[in-house]
Amino acid sequence: MRDVLGGGFADEARAIDAFRTDAKGQQVRLRGFVGLPTFNRPTTAAMHLFVNDRPVRDRQWLGAVRAAFGDTLPRGRHPVVVLFLDIPPPDLDVNVHPAKTEVRFRDAAFVRGLVIGAIQAELTASSHLATAEGGTAMLDKLRQSAAPYRGDGGGGSGGGGYGDQPRPMSQDSFHAQSPLAPADERVLMAGAMAMEMPPEARDHHPAGGADGPAPDAYPMGAARAQLHATYVVTETSDGIVIVDQHAAHERLVLEKMKAAMDDGGVARQLLLLPEVVEPGQAEAAILLEHQEMLASLGMAIESFGDGAVLVREVPAILGQGNVVKMLEDVAEELLHLGGSTILDDKINHVLATLSCHGSVRAGRQLNTAEMNALLREMEVTPRSGQCNHGRPTWIALSLKDIEKLFSRR
């Protein structure tokens, strides 16, 4: 696998070994490795599937694997897997294709259930994990941005760059170039120490306490700062993690809505004043066509004239969001999915769209307690390493990588 798919897959792939007994009492086994959802590719070429040790390119196989990953993958992207299915030969037809690259299962639903169940169980167990590709890409960016200051890129001698001589300083930088007297140095240092620091970066206690847990107490570490009201920076036992707060929280909301669906339906919130939405004739028509499905998701709508709908209730978990924009996005999603998409897939896509509107938005200031609460939820929520659109919710840098950037290693 390392030779064919690279070290990134081999190092991070999750092992699967699942058994299931069919109606005849015979055992069917699924074994192999699945890549993390953030390790994906634009085609199905990296999906290596085998049946009784024979490589196949079967649509049922591919569809079952793709369905198992569900909404953890970006649209148009495909997982990377190496899977072996061992099944009794009488339950298999290998003469579908002259090259025997396709197969037919006697009980296709049984096999599909085994594949989906085994993969989803492993993805759930992997919880908040994401591939290291994001961290690697960030390191490359940092190295590129630091190159002009290192001269020849190595930080050593003989490049004519800033690595071996002081950087030029203009007169605009300092009005006086003369050395500071000791007293002046003390004044300058006192002024620097008194500067107002970002609120979330001040007064931390590494051992835990008022500002939250110790860095090594949890997998996602302890929150240390919020940058640009969008990214949460955490300190872990062996490095740092940067979390996209909106991407992470929309996954948490989605999983809560899914759990509510399985538990009898999404709780609704009655609007004090019903909202009239005019998305257009085609959009209004497809919303009303799926009126029953939307009701099961906590959104009660009804017709309100030509090209308009009236919204009376919304999912309670979403709070007071922008109802108009939310419904327009749902309509756009349903139009994109078309009539060929099965109901379960439509429900998952609409849930993803709704939860995006109910999550913490980029630009919202979070305090330390809120940031740590977000991290703790991520650690126990399935598939929290990817947002509803399949993008990573966090990237990590190890302390070793950071030290390399500063030539400490």
Protein backbone atom coordinates (compact mmCIF):
# COMPACT_ATOMS: atom_id res chain seq x y z
CA MET A 1 0.00 0.00 0.00
CA ARG A 2 2.84 2.36 0.78
CA ASP A 3 4.35 1.77 -2.68
CA VAL A 4 1.05 2.21 -4.52
CA LEU A 5 -0.80 4.83 -2.49
CA GLY A 6 2.01 6.61 -0.65
CA GLY A 7 3.15 6.94 2.93
CA GLY A 8 0.37 9.35 3.87
CA PHE A 9 -2.25 6.68 3.33
CA ALA A 10 -0.21 3.85 4.82
CA ASP A 11 0.53 5.79 8.01
CA GLU A 12 -2.99 7.06 8.66
CA ALA A 13 -5.36 4.47 7.17
CA ARG A 14 -7.74 2.77 9.58
CA ALA A 15 -7.77 -1.04 9.70
CA ILE A 16 -11.04 -2.93 9.21
CA ASP A 17 -11.76 -6.58 9.99
CA ALA A 18 -15.49 -7.31 10.22
CA PHE A 19 -17.53 -10.52 10.09
CA ARG A 20 -21.18 -11.19 9.39
CA THR A 21 -23.16 -14.40 9.14
CA ASP A 22 -25.61 -14.77 6.23
CA ALA A 23 -28.99 -16.52 6.17
CA LYS A 24 -27.30 -19.87 5.46
CA GLY A 25 -25.05 -19.54 8.49
CA GLN A 26 -21.97 -18.89 6.37
CA GLN A 27 -19.50 -16.21 7.33
CA VAL A 28 -18.71 -13.21 5.11
CA ARG A 29 -15.62 -11.22 6.01
CA LEU A 30 -14.53 -7.68 5.14
CA ARG A 31 -10.93 -6.70 5.84
CA GLY A 32 -8.49 -4.05 4.72
CA PHE A 33 -7.87 -0.35 5.23
CA VAL A 34 -9.83 2.86 4.70
CA GLY A 35 -8.31 6.31 4.45
CA LEU A 36 -9.55 9.15 6.62
CA PRO A 37 -12.24 11.22 4.85
CA THR A 38 -9.88 14.18 4.48
CA PHE A 39 -7.54 11.90 2.51
CA ASN A 40 -9.59 11.88 -0.71
CA ARG A 41 -9.08 11.94 -4.46
CA PRO A 42 -10.94 13.37 -7.51
CA THR A 43 -11.59 9.93 -9.06
CA THR A 44 -12.33 6.37 -7.94
CA ALA A 45 -8.92 5.18 -9.16
CA ALA A 46 -7.60 4.93 -5.58
CA MET A 47 -10.46 2.66 -4.48
CA HIS A 48 -8.89 -0.80 -4.61
CA LEU A 49 -11.56 -3.46 -4.13
CA PHE A 50 -11.12 -7.22 -4.12
CA VAL A 51 -13.60 -10.09 -3.95
CA ASN A 52 -12.12 -13.44 -2.96
CA ASP A 53 -8.69 -11.95 -3.72
CA ARG A 54 -9.68 -10.94 -7.27
CA PRO A 55 -9.55 -7.20 -8.12
CA VAL A 56 -12.91 -5.87 -9.33
CA ARG A 57 -14.40 -2.55 -10.46
CA ASP A 58 -17.97 -3.24 -9.49
CA ARG A 59 -20.54 -0.44 -9.21
CA GLN A 60 -22.28 -2.07 -6.25
CA TRP A 61 -18.96 -2.22 -4.41
CA LEU A 62 -18.07 1.36 -5.26
CA GLY A 63 -21.52 2.61 -4.35
CA ALA A 64 -21.51 0.87 -0.97
CA VAL A 65 -18.11 2.31 -0.05
CA ARG A 66 -19.08 5.79 -1.19
CA ALA A 67 -22.34 5.58 0.78
CA ALA A 68 -20.42 4.55 3.90
CA PHE A 69 -18.41 7.77 3.80
CA GLY A 70 -21.60 9.76 3.18
CA ASP A 71 -21.35 13.47 3.94
CA THR A 72 -17.78 13.31 5.19
CA LEU A 73 -16.47 13.78 1.63
CA PRO A 74 -16.55 16.95 -0.48
CA ARG A 75 -18.84 16.78 -3.49
CA GLY A 76 -17.03 15.20 -6.44
CA ARG A 77 -14.31 13.62 -4.26
CA HIS A 78 -13.82 9.93 -3.54
CA PRO A 79 -12.29 7.93 -0.67
CA VAL A 80 -9.04 5.99 -0.75
CA VAL A 81 -9.51 2.37 0.34
CA VAL A 82 -8.00 -1.10 0.05
CA LEU A 83 -10.70 -3.64 0.89
CA PHE A 84 -10.99 -7.40 0.59
CA LEU A 85 -14.35 -9.18 0.71
CA ASP A 86 -14.27 -12.92 1.39
CA ILE A 87 -17.59 -14.52 0.46
CA PRO A 88 -18.67 -18.15 -0.26
CA PRO A 89 -18.32 -18.73 -4.05
CA PRO A 90 -21.94 -19.99 -4.47
CA ASP A 91 -23.15 -16.55 -3.35
CA LEU A 92 -21.21 -14.85 -6.12
CA ASP A 93 -21.62 -14.57 -9.91
CA VAL A 94 -18.27 -13.78 -11.54
CA ASN A 95 -19.42 -14.15 -15.16
CA VAL A 96 -21.04 -10.74 -15.52
CA HIS A 97 -18.15 -9.25 -17.50
CA PRO A 98 -15.78 -10.98 -19.97
CA ALA A 99 -12.75 -9.66 -18.04
CA LYS A 100 -14.42 -10.71 -14.77
CA THR A 101 -13.94 -7.20 -13.37
CA GLU A 102 -17.58 -7.05 -12.27
CA VAL A 103 -19.46 -9.38 -9.95
CA ARG A 104 -23.02 -9.90 -8.77
CA PHE A 105 -23.89 -10.87 -5.21
CA ARG A 106 -26.75 -13.25 -4.51
CA ASP A 107 -27.71 -11.06 -1.53
CA ALA A 108 -26.56 -7.57 -2.51
CA ALA A 109 -28.33 -5.91 0.42
CA PHE A 110 -26.49 -8.16 2.89
CA VAL A 111 -23.10 -7.27 1.42
CA ARG A 112 -23.95 -3.57 1.24
CA GLY A 113 -24.98 -3.61 4.90
CA LEU A 114 -21.71 -5.28 5.91
CA VAL A 115 -19.58 -2.79 3.95
CA ILE A 116 -21.44 0.32 5.12
CA GLY A 117 -21.69 -0.84 8.72
CA ALA A 118 -18.02 -1.79 9.03
CA ILE A 119 -16.69 1.42 7.45
CA GLN A 120 -19.03 3.71 9.37
CA ALA A 121 -18.15 1.99 12.64
CA GLU A 122 -14.46 2.67 12.01
CA LEU A 123 -15.07 6.27 10.95
CA THR A 124 -17.11 6.80 14.11
CA ALA A 125 -14.36 5.24 16.22
CA SER A 126 -11.85 7.57 14.54
CA SER A 127 -14.08 10.43 15.73
CA HIS A 128 -12.26 13.75 15.34
CA LEU A 129 -9.21 12.48 13.39
CA ALA A 130 -8.11 14.21 10.21
CA THR A 131 -5.23 13.54 7.84
CA ALA A 132 -1.87 15.25 8.28
CA GLU A 133 -2.03 16.64 4.74
CA GLY A 134 -3.35 19.96 6.07
CA GLY A 135 -0.44 20.37 8.45
CA THR A 136 2.03 19.44 5.73
CA ALA A 137 0.54 22.01 3.37
CA MET A 138 0.74 24.68 6.09
CA LEU A 139 4.39 23.85 6.72
CA ASP A 140 5.13 24.26 3.01
CA LYS A 141 3.45 27.67 3.03
CA LEU A 142 5.42 28.75 6.09
CA ARG A 143 8.69 27.61 4.56
CA GLN A 144 7.94 29.53 1.35
CA SER A 145 7.06 32.71 3.25
CA ALA A 146 10.23 32.43 5.34
CA ALA A 147 12.57 31.82 2.37
CA PRO A 148 13.39 35.52 1.66
CA TYR A 149 14.61 35.95 5.23
CA ARG A 150 16.90 32.92 5.05
CA GLY A 151 18.81 33.99 1.97
CA ASP A 152 19.60 30.77 0.10
CA GLY A 153 16.85 28.90 1.95
CA GLY A 154 19.20 27.08 4.28
CA GLY A 155 19.79 29.77 6.85
CA GLY A 156 23.53 29.26 6.45
CA SER A 157 26.37 31.36 5.06
CA GLY A 158 27.08 32.64 1.64
CA GLY A 159 23.72 33.45 0.08
CA GLY A 160 23.72 37.20 0.20
CA GLY A 161 20.33 37.14 1.93
CA TYR A 162 19.12 38.04 5.36
CA GLY A 163 20.38 34.78 6.80
CA ASP A 164 23.95 36.09 6.98
CA GLN A 165 23.60 39.84 7.44
CA PRO A 166 21.25 42.22 9.25
CA ARG A 167 18.14 43.21 7.34
CA PRO A 168 18.32 46.81 6.00
CA MET A 169 16.40 49.29 8.14
CA SER A 170 14.96 52.49 6.73
CA GLN A 171 14.96 55.87 8.46
CA ASP A 172 11.16 55.53 8.69
CA SER A 173 11.57 52.57 11.03
CA PHE A 174 13.42 54.45 13.78
CA HIS A 175 14.02 58.17 14.12
CA ALA A 176 17.24 57.57 16.03
CA GLN A 177 19.79 54.89 15.29
CA SER A 178 22.01 55.48 18.30
CA PRO A 179 22.28 52.72 20.95
CA LEU A 180 19.87 52.92 23.86
CA ALA A 181 21.16 53.73 27.30
CA PRO A 182 20.44 51.09 29.99
CA ALA A 183 17.72 53.28 31.51
CA ASP A 184 16.08 53.74 28.13
CA GLU A 185 16.15 49.96 27.56
CA ARG A 186 14.29 49.43 30.83
CA VAL A 187 11.66 52.00 29.82
CA LEU A 188 11.25 50.31 26.42
CA MET A 189 10.86 46.84 27.95
CA ALA A 190 8.36 48.12 30.51
CA GLY A 191 6.30 49.67 27.75
CA ALA A 192 6.34 46.45 25.73
CA MET A 193 5.27 44.35 28.72
CA ALA A 194 2.41 46.76 29.43
CA MET A 195 0.98 46.51 25.90
CA GLU A 196 -2.57 45.20 25.71
CA MET A 197 -2.50 41.55 24.66
CA PRO A 198 -5.43 39.74 22.98
CA PRO A 199 -7.92 38.81 25.72
CA GLU A 200 -7.85 35.07 25.03
CA ALA A 201 -4.05 34.94 25.04
CA ARG A 202 -3.63 36.44 28.50
CA ASP A 203 -3.21 34.85 31.91
CA HIS A 204 -3.12 31.17 30.99
CA HIS A 205 -2.27 28.46 33.48
CA PRO A 206 -0.59 25.52 31.71
CA ALA A 207 -1.47 23.15 34.52
CA GLY A 208 -5.19 23.84 34.08
CA GLY A 209 -7.45 25.78 36.39
CA ALA A 210 -9.34 28.96 35.61
CA ASP A 211 -8.47 29.01 31.91
CA GLY A 212 -9.29 25.38 31.18
CA PRO A 213 -7.56 22.02 30.96
CA ALA A 214 -3.87 21.21 30.73
CA PRO A 215 -2.55 20.76 27.17
CA ASP A 216 -2.05 17.00 27.64
CA ALA A 217 -5.43 16.38 29.28
CA TYR A 218 -7.37 15.92 26.03
CA PRO A 219 -6.59 14.94 22.40
CA MET A 220 -7.49 18.39 21.04
CA GLY A 221 -5.55 20.15 23.80
CA ALA A 222 -6.39 23.40 25.58
CA ALA A 223 -7.62 26.58 23.88
CA ARG A 224 -5.01 29.32 23.91
CA ALA A 225 -6.29 31.99 21.48
CA GLN A 226 -8.85 32.93 18.87
CA LEU A 227 -7.49 34.48 15.68
CA HIS A 228 -9.49 36.77 13.39
CA ALA A 229 -12.65 35.70 15.26
CA THR A 230 -12.58 32.54 13.13
CA TYR A 231 -9.76 30.20 14.15
CA VAL A 232 -9.18 28.64 17.56
CA VAL A 233 -5.55 27.88 18.42
CA THR A 234 -4.96 25.12 20.94
CA GLU A 235 -1.88 23.80 22.71
CA THR A 236 -1.50 20.02 22.76
CA SER A 237 1.07 17.84 24.50
CA ASP A 238 3.24 17.69 21.36
CA GLY A 239 2.35 20.76 19.28
CA ILE A 240 -0.49 23.07 18.29
CA VAL A 241 -3.86 22.65 16.57
CA ILE A 242 -5.75 25.27 14.54
CA VAL A 243 -9.53 24.75 14.42
CA ASP A 244 -11.95 26.38 11.99
CA GLN A 245 -14.72 27.21 14.46
CA HIS A 246 -17.54 27.40 11.90
CA ALA A 247 -16.56 24.21 10.06
CA ALA A 248 -16.20 22.31 13.33
CA HIS A 249 -19.45 23.52 14.86
CA GLU A 250 -21.57 22.85 11.78
CA ARG A 251 -20.50 19.20 11.97
CA LEU A 252 -21.49 19.08 15.63
CA VAL A 253 -24.91 20.55 14.81
CA LEU A 254 -25.36 18.09 11.93
CA GLU A 255 -24.62 15.07 14.11
CA LYS A 256 -27.06 16.34 16.77
CA MET A 257 -29.76 16.71 14.12
CA LYS A 258 -29.06 13.20 12.83
CA ALA A 259 -29.34 11.82 16.36
CA ALA A 260 -32.64 13.69 16.81
CA MET A 261 -33.93 12.20 13.54
CA ASP A 262 -33.11 8.70 14.74
CA ASP A 263 -34.77 9.48 18.07
CA GLY A 264 -38.15 10.42 16.62
CA GLY A 265 -37.66 13.65 14.71
CA VAL A 266 -36.07 17.07 14.96
CA ALA A 267 -37.68 19.37 17.54
CA ARG A 268 -39.44 22.39 16.00
CA GLN A 269 -39.60 26.02 17.01
CA LEU A 270 -42.74 28.01 16.13
CA LEU A 271 -41.97 31.37 14.54
CA LEU A 272 -43.68 34.30 16.26
CA LEU A 273 -44.34 35.78 12.83
CA PRO A 274 -44.44 33.33 9.91
CA GLU A 275 -41.82 34.15 7.29
CA VAL A 276 -42.77 34.55 3.62
CA VAL A 277 -40.02 33.34 1.31
CA GLU A 278 -40.09 33.95 -2.47
CA PRO A 279 -37.30 31.80 -3.91
CA GLY A 280 -38.84 31.55 -7.41
CA GLN A 281 -41.28 29.20 -9.12
CA ALA A 282 -38.96 26.22 -9.61
CA GLU A 283 -37.51 26.54 -6.11
CA ALA A 284 -40.92 26.92 -4.44
CA ALA A 285 -42.25 23.93 -6.38
CA ILE A 286 -39.47 21.61 -5.30
CA LEU A 287 -39.76 22.77 -1.68
CA LEU A 288 -43.48 21.96 -1.66
CA GLU A 289 -42.76 18.65 -3.39
CA HIS A 290 -40.58 17.75 -0.40
CA GLN A 291 -42.90 19.33 2.18
CA GLU A 292 -43.32 16.08 4.15
CA MET A 293 -39.58 15.43 4.24
CA LEU A 294 -38.85 18.97 5.41
CA ALA A 295 -41.47 18.60 8.15
CA SER A 296 -39.58 15.56 9.48
CA LEU A 297 -36.48 17.75 9.63
CA GLY A 298 -38.26 20.37 11.74
CA MET A 299 -39.23 22.83 8.99
CA ALA A 300 -42.97 23.41 8.46
CA ILE A 301 -43.81 25.16 5.17
CA GLU A 302 -46.93 25.69 3.04
CA SER A 303 -47.80 27.27 -0.28
CA PHE A 304 -48.23 31.07 -0.32
CA GLY A 305 -49.06 31.98 -3.88
CA ASP A 306 -47.07 31.81 -7.08
CA GLY A 307 -43.36 31.20 -6.41
CA ALA A 308 -43.63 31.72 -2.66
CA VAL A 309 -43.85 29.60 0.50
CA LEU A 310 -44.76 30.40 4.08
CA VAL A 311 -42.47 29.14 6.84
CA ARG A 312 -44.21 28.53 10.16
CA GLU A 313 -41.67 26.40 12.04
CA VAL A 314 -37.91 25.83 11.91
CA PRO A 315 -35.62 23.31 13.64
CA ALA A 316 -35.24 24.43 17.28
CA ILE A 317 -31.53 23.59 17.34
CA LEU A 318 -30.84 26.25 14.70
CA GLY A 319 -32.06 29.15 16.81
CA GLN A 320 -33.01 32.46 15.22
CA GLY A 321 -31.15 32.23 11.94
CA ASN A 322 -31.82 33.81 8.56
CA VAL A 323 -34.90 31.82 7.53
CA VAL A 324 -35.03 33.25 4.01
CA LYS A 325 -31.42 32.42 3.18
CA MET A 326 -31.77 29.01 4.83
CA LEU A 327 -34.77 28.03 2.71
CA GLU A 328 -33.19 29.38 -0.47
CA ASP A 329 -30.13 27.22 0.16
CA VAL A 330 -32.30 24.15 0.82
CA ALA A 331 -34.18 24.73 -2.44
CA GLU A 332 -30.91 25.11 -4.35
CA GLU A 333 -29.63 21.87 -2.81
CA LEU A 334 -32.80 19.95 -3.74
CA LEU A 335 -32.67 21.25 -7.31
CA HIS A 336 -29.04 20.19 -7.59
CA LEU A 337 -29.76 16.68 -6.28
CA GLY A 338 -32.52 16.13 -8.82
CA GLY A 339 -35.07 13.32 -8.90
CA SER A 340 -32.64 10.42 -9.12
CA THR A 341 -31.21 10.82 -5.63
CA ILE A 342 -32.68 8.46 -3.03
CA LEU A 343 -34.57 9.94 -0.10
CA ASP A 344 -31.92 9.16 2.55
CA ASP A 345 -29.27 11.01 0.57
CA LYS A 346 -31.58 13.99 0.12
CA ILE A 347 -32.27 14.06 3.85
CA ASN A 348 -28.55 14.01 4.66
CA HIS A 349 -27.78 16.81 2.20
CA VAL A 350 -30.63 18.98 3.47
CA LEU A 351 -29.58 18.34 7.08
CA ALA A 352 -26.06 19.46 6.16
CA THR A 353 -27.44 22.65 4.62
CA LEU A 354 -29.65 23.41 7.62
CA SER A 355 -26.92 22.75 10.18
CA CYS A 356 -24.59 25.12 8.34
CA HIS A 357 -27.05 27.92 9.16
CA GLY A 358 -27.25 26.92 12.82
CA SER A 359 -23.56 26.84 13.59
CA VAL A 360 -21.15 29.34 15.09
CA ARG A 361 -20.28 31.70 12.28
CA ALA A 362 -16.85 32.94 11.35
CA GLY A 363 -16.43 36.37 12.92
CA ARG A 364 -17.99 35.55 16.29
CA GLN A 365 -15.82 36.15 19.33
CA LEU A 366 -15.57 33.13 21.65
CA ASN A 367 -14.32 33.15 25.23
CA THR A 368 -12.00 30.50 26.63
CA ALA A 369 -14.82 28.40 28.08
CA GLU A 370 -16.67 28.38 24.74
CA MET A 371 -13.55 27.41 22.82
CA ASN A 372 -12.75 24.54 25.19
CA ALA A 373 -16.37 23.37 25.07
CA LEU A 374 -16.13 23.25 21.28
CA LEU A 375 -12.95 21.14 21.53
CA ARG A 376 -14.49 18.71 24.03
CA GLU A 377 -17.54 18.24 21.78
CA MET A 378 -15.31 17.57 18.78
CA GLU A 379 -13.50 14.82 20.68
CA VAL A 380 -16.69 12.83 21.26
CA THR A 381 -18.65 13.61 18.06
CA PRO A 382 -18.40 11.20 15.12
CA ARG A 383 -16.81 12.53 11.95
CA SER A 384 -15.92 15.87 13.56
CA GLY A 385 -12.62 15.92 11.66
CA GLN A 386 -14.58 16.99 8.57
CA CYS A 387 -17.22 19.65 8.09
CA ASN A 388 -20.55 18.95 6.36
CA HIS A 389 -18.91 19.57 3.00
CA GLY A 390 -15.99 17.22 3.63
CA ARG A 391 -13.34 19.85 4.33
CA PRO A 392 -11.03 19.38 7.33
CA THR A 393 -12.12 21.16 10.50
CA TRP A 394 -8.62 21.34 11.98
CA ILE A 395 -4.95 21.04 11.15
CA ALA A 396 -2.07 20.23 13.47
CA LEU A 397 1.61 21.11 13.70
CA SER A 398 3.86 19.00 15.87
CA LEU A 399 6.41 20.65 18.11
CA LYS A 400 9.11 18.93 16.09
CA ASP A 401 7.85 20.55 12.88
CA ILE A 402 7.72 23.97 14.54
CA GLU A 403 11.29 23.56 15.80
CA LYS A 404 12.42 22.71 12.28
CA LEU A 405 10.90 25.95 11.00
CA PHE A 406 13.07 27.87 13.46
CA SER A 407 16.16 25.74 12.69
CA ARG A 408 16.16 24.32 16.20
CA ARG A 409 16.48 20.82 14.79
